């Protein structure tokens, strides 16, 4: 029997900022591409419904961590793309440290050897 390896929605919600900022640090992307990269880069462990990403992206845009802009696709369809701002880059480093420290503490507490 295959075990469901997806992460609970509560944990996922807390990690959304780190996930989005991390993939945008590599290249500007539109919402569907952001969700796809997160899923691919985590081996399917973390997945976001595209519709759930937009409120997160809007919040991050309000904080000036990401910048949204419209791009026209080859078919003439417009789509909203996002790029990391200088402020977002500054936020990413401490966020990575916070999560790394959190997991180290959780590993010690839980005595995980392979986490």
Protein backbone atom coordinates (compact mmCIF):
# COMPACT_ATOMS: atom_id res chain seq x y z
CA UNK A 1 0.00 0.00 0.00
CA UNK A 2 1.46 3.39 -1.02
CA UNK A 3 1.91 5.87 1.77
CA UNK A 4 0.66 9.42 1.22
CA UNK A 5 3.80 11.54 1.44
CA UNK A 6 2.16 14.95 1.12
CA UNK A 7 2.58 17.50 3.88
CA UNK A 8 -0.41 18.61 5.96
CA UNK A 9 -2.06 21.88 5.00
CA UNK A 10 -1.09 23.52 8.31
CA UNK A 11 2.63 22.85 7.78
CA UNK A 12 2.33 23.81 4.12
CA UNK A 13 0.73 27.15 4.98
CA UNK A 14 3.62 28.02 7.26
CA UNK A 15 6.22 27.10 4.68
CA UNK A 16 4.57 28.84 1.72
CA UNK A 17 6.64 32.01 1.94
CA UNK A 18 9.90 30.06 1.97
CA UNK A 19 8.77 27.85 -0.91
CA UNK A 20 7.63 30.74 -3.13
CA UNK A 21 10.60 32.98 -2.41
CA UNK A 22 12.99 30.07 -3.01
CA UNK A 23 11.67 29.24 -6.47
CA UNK A 24 11.43 32.92 -7.46
CA UNK A 25 15.06 33.42 -6.39
CA UNK A 26 16.00 31.32 -9.41
CA UNK A 27 13.78 32.97 -12.04
CA UNK A 28 10.57 34.96 -12.53
CA UNK A 29 7.56 32.65 -12.98
CA UNK A 30 3.78 32.76 -13.32
CA UNK A 31 1.49 31.09 -10.78
CA UNK A 32 1.18 27.72 -12.50
CA UNK A 33 4.97 27.53 -12.97
CA UNK A 34 5.52 28.40 -9.30
CA UNK A 35 3.23 25.55 -8.19
CA UNK A 36 4.87 23.16 -10.67
CA UNK A 37 8.42 24.02 -9.53
CA UNK A 38 7.54 23.60 -5.85
CA UNK A 39 6.00 20.19 -6.59
CA UNK A 40 8.94 19.08 -8.76
CA UNK A 41 11.69 20.44 -6.50
CA UNK A 42 10.19 18.68 -3.45
CA UNK A 43 9.57 15.39 -5.22
CA UNK A 44 5.83 15.90 -4.83
CA UNK A 45 6.10 16.27 -1.04
CA UNK A 46 4.80 19.84 -1.11
CA UNK A 47 2.05 20.81 -3.53
CA UNK A 48 0.02 23.99 -3.85
CA UNK A 49 -3.21 24.42 -5.73
CA UNK A 50 -2.62 27.38 -8.05
CA UNK A 51 -5.71 29.15 -6.68
CA UNK A 52 -4.25 28.88 -3.15
CA UNK A 53 -1.00 30.51 -4.30
CA UNK A 54 -2.56 33.76 -5.47
CA UNK A 55 -3.51 35.08 -2.01
CA UNK A 56 0.03 34.26 -0.86
CA UNK A 57 1.52 36.04 -3.87
CA UNK A 58 -0.77 39.04 -3.32
CA UNK A 59 0.33 39.25 0.32
CA UNK A 60 3.98 39.01 -0.69
CA UNK A 61 3.44 41.69 -3.32
CA UNK A 62 1.91 43.96 -0.66
CA UNK A 63 5.01 43.41 1.50
CA UNK A 64 7.14 44.23 -1.59
CA UNK A 65 8.88 40.84 -1.50
CA UNK A 66 7.72 40.04 -5.02
CA UNK A 67 6.71 42.16 -7.97
CA UNK A 68 3.88 41.11 -10.25
CA UNK A 69 3.71 42.10 -13.90
CA UNK A 70 1.69 41.08 -16.94
CA UNK A 71 3.26 39.07 -19.72
CA UNK A 72 1.74 38.02 -23.02
CA UNK A 73 2.18 34.38 -23.96
CA UNK A 74 2.89 33.16 -27.49
CA UNK A 75 -0.84 32.56 -27.96
CA UNK A 76 -1.61 36.17 -27.05
CA UNK A 77 -2.99 35.29 -23.62
CA UNK A 78 -1.92 37.53 -20.76
CA UNK A 79 -0.67 36.00 -17.54
CA UNK A 80 0.55 37.42 -14.26
CA UNK A 81 4.22 36.73 -13.61
CA UNK A 82 6.19 37.33 -10.44
CA UNK A 83 9.79 38.14 -9.74
CA UNK A 84 11.70 38.42 -6.49
CA UNK A 85 12.52 41.98 -5.41
CA UNK A 86 15.59 43.14 -3.49
CA UNK A 87 13.38 43.23 -0.39
CA UNK A 88 12.31 39.62 -1.06
CA UNK A 89 15.94 38.53 -1.39
CA UNK A 90 16.70 40.16 1.97
CA UNK A 91 13.73 38.32 3.52
CA UNK A 92 14.74 34.94 2.06
CA UNK A 93 18.06 34.56 3.91
CA UNK A 94 16.69 34.98 7.47
CA UNK A 95 13.68 32.86 6.55
CA UNK A 96 15.97 30.03 5.42
CA UNK A 97 17.91 30.31 8.70
CA UNK A 98 14.70 30.26 10.75
CA UNK A 99 13.46 27.10 9.04
CA UNK A 100 16.88 25.40 9.24
CA UNK A 101 17.06 26.16 12.98
CA UNK A 102 13.46 25.01 13.45
CA UNK A 103 14.18 21.66 11.78
CA UNK A 104 17.39 21.17 13.74
CA UNK A 105 15.47 21.70 16.97
CA UNK A 106 12.66 19.41 15.84
CA UNK A 107 15.20 16.74 14.85
CA UNK A 108 16.78 16.89 18.32
CA UNK A 109 13.42 16.82 20.03
CA UNK A 110 12.06 13.96 17.97
CA UNK A 111 15.39 12.14 17.68
CA UNK A 112 14.97 11.80 13.92
CA UNK A 113 18.04 10.36 12.31
CA UNK A 114 17.05 10.76 8.67
CA UNK A 115 15.06 14.04 8.69
